[in-house]
Amino acid sequence: MEPLVRGKYPSIMRKLAKDRLPVFTKEEKKLGEGSLDFIGLNYYTSRYSKNISTYPKGTPVSASTDQHVNATAEKNGVLIGPKAAGSSYLYIYPKGLHKTLKFVKKHYGKNIAIYISENGMETSCL
């Protein structure tokens, strides 16, 4: 969302993804910056995240490893929430949606409309 709000990627993304991110021209930055009419949010579950400062040599470079995060549904032996029926990876954690909405409002503007376009469980869980 940073390119659409601020016209550029965050410096940490540039540092981690390097030349795999596009470089915007001045015209492209101007077109993108502030161009959001609304935010469509898909929310299904949350995870606890812990920083991974380095990966073992030979770890393939990817969007997943760029994050430098170990995401898990468990912390100190306790799940983040009850497992959604029929799912192997979805956990019910309503606070996660609330925290996400607060983060978006804080970082991307109080006046931008946010539409929750997807929420709940996958169809195969029902």
Protein backbone atom coordinates (compact mmCIF):
# COMPACT_ATOMS: atom_id res chain seq x y z
CA MET A 1 0.00 0.00 0.00
CA GLU A 2 2.95 2.31 0.52
CA PRO A 3 3.38 3.03 -3.21
CA LEU A 4 -0.29 4.04 -3.44
CA VAL A 5 -0.15 6.24 -0.35
CA ARG A 6 3.40 7.61 -0.42
CA GLY A 7 4.58 6.91 -3.97
CA LYS A 8 7.40 4.54 -2.96
CA TYR A 9 8.19 1.28 -1.23
CA PRO A 10 9.35 1.40 2.40
CA SER A 11 13.13 1.48 2.77
CA ILE A 12 13.13 -1.86 4.63
CA MET A 13 11.42 -3.51 1.64
CA ARG A 14 14.02 -1.99 -0.69
CA LYS A 15 16.79 -3.29 1.56
CA LEU A 16 15.40 -6.84 1.72
CA ALA A 17 13.94 -7.33 -1.78
CA LYS A 18 16.59 -5.25 -3.56
CA ASP A 19 16.24 -5.24 -7.34
CA ARG A 20 13.16 -7.48 -7.30
CA LEU A 21 11.02 -4.40 -6.61
CA PRO A 22 10.27 -2.04 -9.47
CA VAL A 23 11.67 1.47 -9.41
CA PHE A 24 9.04 4.09 -10.15
CA THR A 25 9.63 7.04 -12.44
CA LYS A 26 8.66 10.50 -11.16
CA GLU A 27 5.51 10.30 -13.27
CA GLU A 28 4.58 6.88 -11.86
CA LYS A 29 5.17 8.10 -8.30
CA LYS A 30 2.92 11.07 -8.92
CA LEU A 31 0.19 8.84 -10.39
CA GLY A 32 0.31 6.38 -7.50
CA GLU A 33 0.77 8.68 -4.53
CA GLY A 34 -2.54 9.38 -2.80
CA SER A 35 -4.53 7.53 -5.46
CA LEU A 36 -6.51 5.29 -3.10
CA ASP A 37 -10.28 5.70 -3.16
CA PHE A 38 -10.81 2.93 -0.61
CA ILE A 39 -9.13 -0.13 0.88
CA GLY A 40 -10.61 -3.59 0.36
CA LEU A 41 -9.57 -5.88 3.22
CA ASN A 42 -9.63 -9.67 3.22
CA TYR A 43 -9.19 -11.09 6.73
CA TYR A 44 -9.32 -14.73 7.75
CA THR A 45 -6.89 -15.39 10.59
CA SER A 46 -3.91 -14.06 12.52
CA ARG A 47 -0.50 -15.33 13.52
CA TYR A 48 2.11 -14.48 16.11
CA SER A 49 5.27 -13.25 14.42
CA LYS A 50 8.88 -13.40 15.52
CA ASN A 51 11.85 -11.81 13.79
CA ILE A 52 14.32 -14.04 11.98
CA SER A 53 17.46 -11.95 11.65
CA THR A 54 19.28 -14.31 9.28
CA TYR A 55 18.53 -17.43 7.29
CA PRO A 56 20.88 -20.38 6.78
CA LYS A 57 23.14 -20.08 3.73
CA GLY A 58 21.48 -21.43 0.63
CA THR A 59 17.93 -20.45 1.66
CA PRO A 60 16.12 -19.47 -1.56
CA VAL A 61 15.30 -15.78 -1.88
CA SER A 62 11.53 -15.22 -2.05
CA ALA A 63 8.74 -12.96 -0.85
CA SER A 64 8.36 -15.32 2.13
CA THR A 65 11.99 -15.08 3.20
CA ASP A 66 12.10 -11.31 2.55
CA GLN A 67 9.79 -10.89 5.53
CA HIS A 68 12.38 -12.28 7.98
CA VAL A 69 9.50 -13.56 10.09
CA ASN A 70 8.57 -16.84 11.69
CA ALA A 71 4.76 -16.82 11.80
CA THR A 72 3.03 -19.28 14.09
CA ALA A 73 -0.44 -19.81 15.52
CA GLU A 74 1.01 -20.84 18.88
CA LYS A 75 2.75 -18.85 21.61
CA ASN A 76 4.01 -20.44 24.83
CA GLY A 77 2.00 -23.56 24.01
CA VAL A 78 -1.28 -21.66 23.59
CA LEU A 79 -3.05 -21.29 20.23
CA ILE A 80 -3.97 -17.78 19.08
CA GLY A 81 -7.61 -18.86 18.99
CA PRO A 82 -9.81 -21.88 18.40
CA LYS A 83 -9.21 -23.70 15.13
CA ALA A 84 -11.87 -23.02 12.51
CA ALA A 85 -13.89 -26.18 11.89
CA GLY A 86 -12.53 -28.19 8.97
CA SER A 87 -9.44 -26.02 8.45
CA SER A 88 -5.84 -26.95 9.03
CA TYR A 89 -4.58 -23.35 9.15
CA LEU A 90 -7.39 -20.94 10.09
CA TYR A 91 -7.84 -19.85 13.68
CA ILE A 92 -10.68 -17.68 14.97
CA TYR A 93 -9.21 -14.47 16.37
CA PRO A 94 -11.54 -11.45 16.06
CA LYS A 95 -9.02 -9.15 17.80
CA GLY A 96 -6.78 -9.63 14.76
CA LEU A 97 -9.30 -7.93 12.50
CA HIS A 98 -9.70 -5.08 14.98
CA LYS A 99 -5.92 -4.62 15.24
CA THR A 100 -5.57 -4.70 11.45
CA LEU A 101 -8.23 -2.01 11.03
CA LYS A 102 -6.55 0.18 13.66
CA PHE A 103 -3.16 -0.27 11.95
CA VAL A 104 -4.56 0.67 8.54
CA LYS A 105 -6.28 3.78 9.91
CA LYS A 106 -3.15 4.86 11.80
CA HIS A 107 -0.71 4.35 8.91
CA TYR A 108 -2.81 5.14 5.85
CA GLY A 109 -5.27 7.78 6.95
CA LYS A 110 -8.31 8.22 9.09
CA ASN A 111 -10.44 9.37 6.16
CA ILE A 112 -9.94 6.43 3.80
CA ALA A 113 -12.93 4.09 3.50
CA ILE A 114 -12.20 0.47 4.42
CA TYR A 115 -14.45 -2.26 3.10
CA ILE A 116 -14.12 -5.72 4.58
CA SER A 117 -14.49 -7.65 1.35
CA GLU A 118 -13.78 -11.12 2.73
CA ASN A 119 -13.91 -12.52 6.25
CA GLY A 120 -14.63 -15.86 7.85
CA MET A 121 -13.79 -19.37 6.79
CA GLU A 122 -13.07 -20.95 3.46
CA THR A 123 -16.05 -22.65 1.82
CA SER A 124 -14.57 -26.11 2.34
CA CYS A 125 -14.76 -25.50 6.12
CA LEU A 126 -18.51 -25.03 6.13
